[in-house]
């Protein structure tokens, strides 16, 4: 590995700890639920999930899990609980 790449890797690792640098605007992820895989999407500040609970409540355990995983990097994300 050349020295330029080592510097870039070090800088990338540093950035990864500075969550204020990031704001996800679009995301697609598959979440393994208790019985099936659910496609969860975040786009333009709006969540989507195909589970029945989400359809009636606009939030579900699958979207909450992704919000908690990504923490403060999502606009309006659920705050971290210590």
C-alpha atoms as a PDB file:
ATOM      1  CA  UNK A   1       0.000   0.000   0.000  1.00  0.00           C
ATOM      2  CA  UNK A   2       1.361   3.419  -0.887  1.00  0.00           C
ATOM      3  CA  UNK A   3       1.531   6.295   1.607  1.00  0.00           C
ATOM      4  CA  UNK A   4      -1.218   8.284  -0.149  1.00  0.00           C
ATOM      5  CA  UNK A   5      -3.669   5.412   0.338  1.00  0.00           C
ATOM      6  CA  UNK A   6      -2.659   5.025   3.991  1.00  0.00           C
ATOM      7  CA  UNK A   7      -3.440   8.725   4.552  1.00  0.00           C
ATOM      8  CA  UNK A   8      -6.847   8.341   2.853  1.00  0.00           C
ATOM      9  CA  UNK A   9      -7.697   5.293   4.975  1.00  0.00           C
ATOM     10  CA  UNK A  10      -6.721   7.123   8.162  1.00  0.00           C
ATOM     11  CA  UNK A  11      -8.787  10.159   7.138  1.00  0.00           C
ATOM     12  CA  UNK A  12     -11.791   7.960   6.289  1.00  0.00           C
ATOM     13  CA  UNK A  13     -11.622   6.261   9.685  1.00  0.00           C
ATOM     14  CA  UNK A  14     -11.438   9.676  11.395  1.00  0.00           C
ATOM     15  CA  UNK A  15     -14.484  10.900   9.454  1.00  0.00           C
ATOM     16  CA  UNK A  16     -16.456   7.775  10.373  1.00  0.00           C
ATOM     17  CA  UNK A  17     -16.367   8.819  14.051  1.00  0.00           C
ATOM     18  CA  UNK A  18     -17.592  12.338  13.264  1.00  0.00           C
ATOM     19  CA  UNK A  19     -21.251  11.565  12.620  1.00  0.00           C
ATOM     20  CA  UNK A  20     -22.118  15.243  12.175  1.00  0.00           C
ATOM     21  CA  UNK A  21     -20.425  14.965   8.759  1.00  0.00           C
ATOM     22  CA  UNK A  22     -23.115  12.612   7.471  1.00  0.00           C
ATOM     23  CA  UNK A  23     -26.758  12.938   6.546  1.00  0.00           C
ATOM     24  CA  UNK A  24     -28.388  10.105   4.673  1.00  0.00           C
ATOM     25  CA  UNK A  25     -30.905  11.327   2.133  1.00  0.00           C
ATOM     26  CA  UNK A  26     -31.709   8.017   0.467  1.00  0.00           C
ATOM     27  CA  UNK A  27     -31.275   4.439   1.597  1.00  0.00           C
ATOM     28  CA  UNK A  28     -32.531   0.952   0.757  1.00  0.00           C
ATOM     29  CA  UNK A  29     -31.940  -1.958   3.114  1.00  0.00           C
ATOM     30  CA  UNK A  30     -33.390  -5.407   3.738  1.00  0.00           C
ATOM     31  CA  UNK A  31     -34.306  -6.105   7.366  1.00  0.00           C
ATOM     32  CA  UNK A  32     -34.745  -9.695   8.537  1.00  0.00           C
ATOM     33  CA  UNK A  33     -37.900  -9.667  10.633  1.00  0.00           C
ATOM     34  CA  UNK A  34     -39.177 -12.477  12.845  1.00  0.00           C
ATOM     35  CA  UNK A  35     -40.849 -14.220   9.912  1.00  0.00           C
ATOM     36  CA  UNK A  36     -39.645 -12.633   6.681  1.00  0.00           C
ATOM     37  CA  UNK A  37     -37.323 -10.094   5.109  1.00  0.00           C
ATOM     38  CA  UNK A  38     -38.744  -6.578   4.811  1.00  0.00           C
ATOM     39  CA  UNK A  39     -37.446  -4.031   2.303  1.00  0.00           C
ATOM     40  CA  UNK A  40     -37.069  -0.717   4.136  1.00  0.00           C
ATOM     41  CA  UNK A  41     -36.481   2.525   2.270  1.00  0.00           C
ATOM     42  CA  UNK A  42     -35.676   6.071   3.316  1.00  0.00           C
ATOM     43  CA  UNK A  43     -36.055   8.749   0.659  1.00  0.00           C
ATOM     44  CA  UNK A  44     -36.504  12.482   1.044  1.00  0.00           C
ATOM     45  CA  UNK A  45     -37.179  12.194   4.769  1.00  0.00           C
ATOM     46  CA  UNK A  46     -39.873   9.544   4.320  1.00  0.00           C
ATOM     47  CA  UNK A  47     -39.770   5.902   5.431  1.00  0.00           C
ATOM     48  CA  UNK A  48     -41.326   2.946   3.615  1.00  0.00           C
ATOM     49  CA  UNK A  49     -41.745  -0.664   4.729  1.00  0.00           C
ATOM     50  CA  UNK A  50     -43.984  -3.397   3.386  1.00  0.00           C
ATOM     51  CA  UNK A  51     -45.142  -4.739   6.773  1.00  0.00           C
ATOM     52  CA  UNK A  52     -48.778  -4.400   7.837  1.00  0.00           C
ATOM     53  CA  UNK A  53     -47.974  -2.336  10.939  1.00  0.00           C
ATOM     54  CA  UNK A  54     -46.135   0.289   8.890  1.00  0.00           C
ATOM     55  CA  UNK A  55     -49.043   0.618   6.483  1.00  0.00           C
ATOM     56  CA  UNK A  56     -51.336   1.795   9.295  1.00  0.00           C
ATOM     57  CA  UNK A  57     -48.816   3.605  11.555  1.00  0.00           C
ATOM     58  CA  UNK A  58     -46.132   4.981   9.167  1.00  0.00           C
ATOM     59  CA  UNK A  59     -43.485   3.513  11.486  1.00  0.00           C
ATOM     60  CA  UNK A  60     -42.589  -0.025  12.532  1.00  0.00           C
ATOM     61  CA  UNK A  61     -39.934  -2.092  14.271  1.00  0.00           C
ATOM     62  CA  UNK A  62     -38.049  -2.424  10.967  1.00  0.00           C
ATOM     63  CA  UNK A  63     -37.799   1.333  10.325  1.00  0.00           C
ATOM     64  CA  UNK A  64     -37.002   2.007  13.991  1.00  0.00           C
ATOM     65  CA  UNK A  65     -34.196  -0.575  13.883  1.00  0.00           C
ATOM     66  CA  UNK A  66     -32.599   1.147  10.881  1.00  0.00           C
ATOM     67  CA  UNK A  67     -32.984   4.576  12.518  1.00  0.00           C
ATOM     68  CA  UNK A  68     -31.274   3.305  15.666  1.00  0.00           C
ATOM     69  CA  UNK A  69     -28.524   1.661  13.632  1.00  0.00           C
ATOM     70  CA  UNK A  70     -27.748   4.869  11.740  1.00  0.00           C
ATOM     71  CA  UNK A  71     -28.268   7.155  14.729  1.00  0.00           C
ATOM     72  CA  UNK A  72     -27.874  10.889  14.248  1.00  0.00           C
ATOM     73  CA  UNK A  73     -26.952  10.601  10.569  1.00  0.00           C
ATOM     74  CA  UNK A  74     -30.617  10.656   9.529  1.00  0.00           C
ATOM     75  CA  UNK A  75     -32.565  13.910   9.560  1.00  0.00           C
ATOM     76  CA  UNK A  76     -35.082  13.751  12.403  1.00  0.00           C
ATOM     77  CA  UNK A  77     -33.797  10.405  13.626  1.00  0.00           C
ATOM     78  CA  UNK A  78     -34.884   8.927  16.919  1.00  0.00           C
ATOM     79  CA  UNK A  79     -32.483  10.239  19.574  1.00  0.00           C
ATOM     80  CA  UNK A  80     -29.981   7.855  21.119  1.00  0.00           C
ATOM     81  CA  UNK A  81     -30.870   6.523  24.556  1.00  0.00           C
ATOM     82  CA  UNK A  82     -27.894   6.116  26.879  1.00  0.00           C
END
